[in-house]
Amino acid sequence: MSCMSNEWKNSTQRQEDTARAALGRYEAATAFVLVLGAVYEYFSFGVWSGFMVYAFLFPLAGGVLPLRILLRTGRRIPAAAAGLWNCGIATFTAGCLFCGILEIYGTTNRLSGIYWIAGTVLLAAGVLLTAAEKAACERRTGLQTGKGMTGIRQK
């Protein structure tokens, strides 16, 4: 689909609805991880882990805040890039919870580092895909896209 086609222009409302639904999912995930961490800490007999305490920050800082900014500014990102970003945030959150569980039980696992590597790769791929799509859209249309990929001419 061309970045300036009528189909793309008409999909703006659908993209906004999708972003609002994703925002709701990230808010729910943030609350769930926060409660999960608190309950887990409560039943861990006084042993706690910073990984468990702060695991909720990944969906908050990587999902809720960016989506609020995107919705407020009207910017859009490609669906594939959003999917990669979402997978990266989920990987970081799962890795944080996993490391927290191991830390509470007093053990470690050298393979837990794969979560940080995989999460970083997924987030970077999402950012690079967004940048590539924006550049491709600008090349196809000859427009500067000042508000995401909406195709607004800049003078």
Protein backbone atom coordinates (compact mmCIF):
# COMPACT_ATOMS: atom_id res chain seq x y z
CA MET A 1 0.00 0.00 0.00
CA SER A 2 1.42 3.39 -0.96
CA CYS A 3 2.03 5.78 1.90
CA MET A 4 -0.19 8.41 0.24
CA SER A 5 -2.97 6.22 -1.16
CA ASN A 6 -6.59 6.84 -0.23
CA GLU A 7 -6.63 3.52 1.58
CA TRP A 8 -3.76 4.70 3.75
CA LYS A 9 -5.41 8.07 4.43
CA ASN A 10 -8.68 6.37 5.39
CA SER A 11 -6.91 3.99 7.76
CA THR A 12 -5.91 6.80 10.16
CA GLN A 13 -8.94 6.24 12.41
CA ARG A 14 -8.34 2.50 12.39
CA GLN A 15 -4.68 3.08 13.37
CA GLU A 16 -5.73 5.38 16.19
CA ASP A 17 -8.22 2.77 17.45
CA THR A 18 -5.47 0.13 17.31
CA ALA A 19 -3.10 2.41 19.24
CA ARG A 20 -5.75 3.08 21.90
CA ALA A 21 -6.38 -0.67 22.27
CA ALA A 22 -2.63 -1.27 22.59
CA LEU A 23 -2.46 1.49 25.22
CA GLY A 24 -5.16 -0.28 27.22
CA ARG A 25 -3.27 -3.57 26.97
CA TYR A 26 -0.04 -1.92 28.13
CA GLU A 27 -1.83 -0.26 31.06
CA ALA A 28 -3.32 -3.63 32.04
CA ALA A 29 0.07 -5.34 31.67
CA THR A 30 1.71 -2.66 33.81
CA ALA A 31 -0.88 -3.12 36.56
CA PHE A 32 -0.68 -6.91 36.32
CA VAL A 33 3.12 -7.00 36.58
CA LEU A 34 3.04 -4.50 39.45
CA VAL A 35 0.52 -6.62 41.39
CA LEU A 36 2.34 -9.85 40.47
CA GLY A 37 5.61 -8.44 41.78
CA ALA A 38 3.98 -7.23 44.99
CA VAL A 39 2.25 -10.56 45.65
CA TYR A 40 5.39 -12.52 44.85
CA GLU A 41 7.42 -10.33 47.21
CA TYR A 42 4.80 -10.72 49.93
CA PHE A 43 5.02 -14.52 49.82
CA SER A 44 8.81 -14.67 49.49
CA PHE A 45 9.40 -14.59 53.26
CA GLY A 46 11.20 -11.25 53.36
CA VAL A 47 13.48 -11.95 50.41
CA TRP A 48 13.05 -9.45 47.60
CA SER A 49 14.50 -8.72 44.20
CA GLY A 50 14.92 -5.43 42.39
CA PHE A 51 14.03 -7.27 39.19
CA MET A 52 10.61 -8.17 40.59
CA VAL A 53 10.01 -4.79 42.19
CA TYR A 54 10.77 -2.80 39.02
CA ALA A 55 9.57 -5.21 36.31
CA PHE A 56 6.45 -3.06 35.79
CA LEU A 57 8.64 -0.24 34.45
CA PHE A 58 9.18 -1.99 31.10
CA PRO A 59 5.52 -1.96 30.00
CA LEU A 60 5.08 1.48 31.57
CA ALA A 61 8.11 3.21 30.04
CA GLY A 62 8.18 1.15 26.85
CA GLY A 63 4.47 0.96 26.15
CA VAL A 64 2.20 3.33 28.04
CA LEU A 65 4.35 6.46 27.78
CA PRO A 66 5.34 6.12 24.09
CA LEU A 67 1.77 5.32 23.05
CA ARG A 68 0.42 8.32 24.94
CA ILE A 69 2.97 10.50 23.16
CA LEU A 70 2.12 8.97 19.76
CA LEU A 71 -1.60 9.47 20.31
CA ARG A 72 -1.14 13.03 21.52
CA THR A 73 1.11 14.04 18.60
CA GLY A 74 -0.80 12.11 15.94
CA ARG A 75 2.28 10.17 14.80
CA ARG A 76 1.97 6.62 13.49
CA ILE A 77 4.35 3.71 13.20
CA PRO A 78 4.10 0.70 10.86
CA ALA A 79 2.29 -2.33 12.24
CA ALA A 80 5.30 -4.61 11.78
CA ALA A 81 7.52 -2.17 13.69
CA ALA A 82 4.93 -1.95 16.47
CA GLY A 83 4.85 -5.75 16.64
CA LEU A 84 8.63 -5.93 17.00
CA TRP A 85 8.56 -3.21 19.66
CA ASN A 86 5.80 -5.02 21.57
CA CYS A 87 7.79 -8.28 21.46
CA GLY A 88 10.87 -6.46 22.74
CA ILE A 89 8.98 -4.98 25.69
CA ALA A 90 7.42 -8.37 26.47
CA THR A 91 10.85 -10.01 26.32
CA PHE A 92 12.35 -7.45 28.70
CA THR A 93 9.42 -7.84 31.10
CA ALA A 94 9.59 -11.66 31.06
CA GLY A 95 13.35 -11.54 31.49
CA CYS A 96 13.04 -9.20 34.45
CA LEU A 97 10.48 -11.46 36.12
CA PHE A 98 12.59 -14.55 35.39
CA CYS A 99 15.73 -12.95 36.85
CA GLY A 100 13.71 -11.81 39.87
CA ILE A 101 12.42 -15.32 40.52
CA LEU A 102 15.94 -16.72 40.28
CA GLU A 103 17.31 -14.00 42.54
CA ILE A 104 14.64 -14.61 45.19
CA TYR A 105 15.42 -18.32 45.19
CA GLY A 106 19.11 -17.50 45.59
CA THR A 107 20.34 -18.89 42.31
CA THR A 108 21.45 -17.61 38.92
CA ASN A 109 21.40 -18.82 35.36
CA ARG A 110 23.86 -17.66 32.74
CA LEU A 111 21.20 -18.13 30.06
CA SER A 112 19.04 -15.38 31.57
CA GLY A 113 21.22 -12.86 29.70
CA ILE A 114 19.54 -13.91 26.45
CA TYR A 115 16.44 -11.94 27.48
CA TRP A 116 18.39 -8.67 27.46
CA ILE A 117 20.02 -9.45 24.11
CA ALA A 118 16.79 -10.57 22.45
CA GLY A 119 14.84 -7.62 23.84
CA THR A 120 17.44 -5.15 22.60
CA VAL A 121 17.51 -6.73 19.13
CA LEU A 122 13.70 -6.64 18.88
CA LEU A 123 13.46 -3.01 19.99
CA ALA A 124 16.25 -1.96 17.63
CA ALA A 125 14.58 -3.81 14.75
CA GLY A 126 11.31 -1.98 15.46
CA VAL A 127 13.05 1.40 15.47
CA LEU A 128 15.01 0.62 12.29
CA LEU A 129 11.89 -0.62 10.50
CA THR A 130 10.07 2.59 11.42
CA ALA A 131 12.95 4.71 10.11
CA ALA A 132 13.18 2.66 6.90
CA GLU A 133 9.44 2.93 6.25
CA LYS A 134 9.52 6.68 6.83
CA ALA A 135 12.46 7.09 4.43
CA ALA A 136 10.76 4.91 1.80
CA CYS A 137 7.56 6.93 2.10
CA GLU A 138 9.46 10.19 1.68
CA ARG A 139 11.27 8.84 -1.40
CA ARG A 140 8.04 7.63 -3.01
CA THR A 141 6.13 10.83 -2.47
CA GLY A 142 8.85 13.46 -2.38
CA LEU A 143 7.34 14.75 0.85
CA GLN A 144 8.86 15.39 4.21
CA THR A 145 6.81 13.61 6.83
CA GLY A 146 6.92 15.94 9.77
CA LYS A 147 4.09 14.19 11.66
CA GLY A 148 5.07 10.56 11.40
CA MET A 149 4.10 9.07 8.06
CA THR A 150 1.13 11.31 7.35
CA GLY A 151 2.66 12.95 4.29
CA ILE A 152 2.37 16.60 5.36
CA ARG A 153 4.29 18.96 3.10
CA GLN A 154 6.89 21.10 4.77
CA LYS A 155 8.06 24.38 3.31
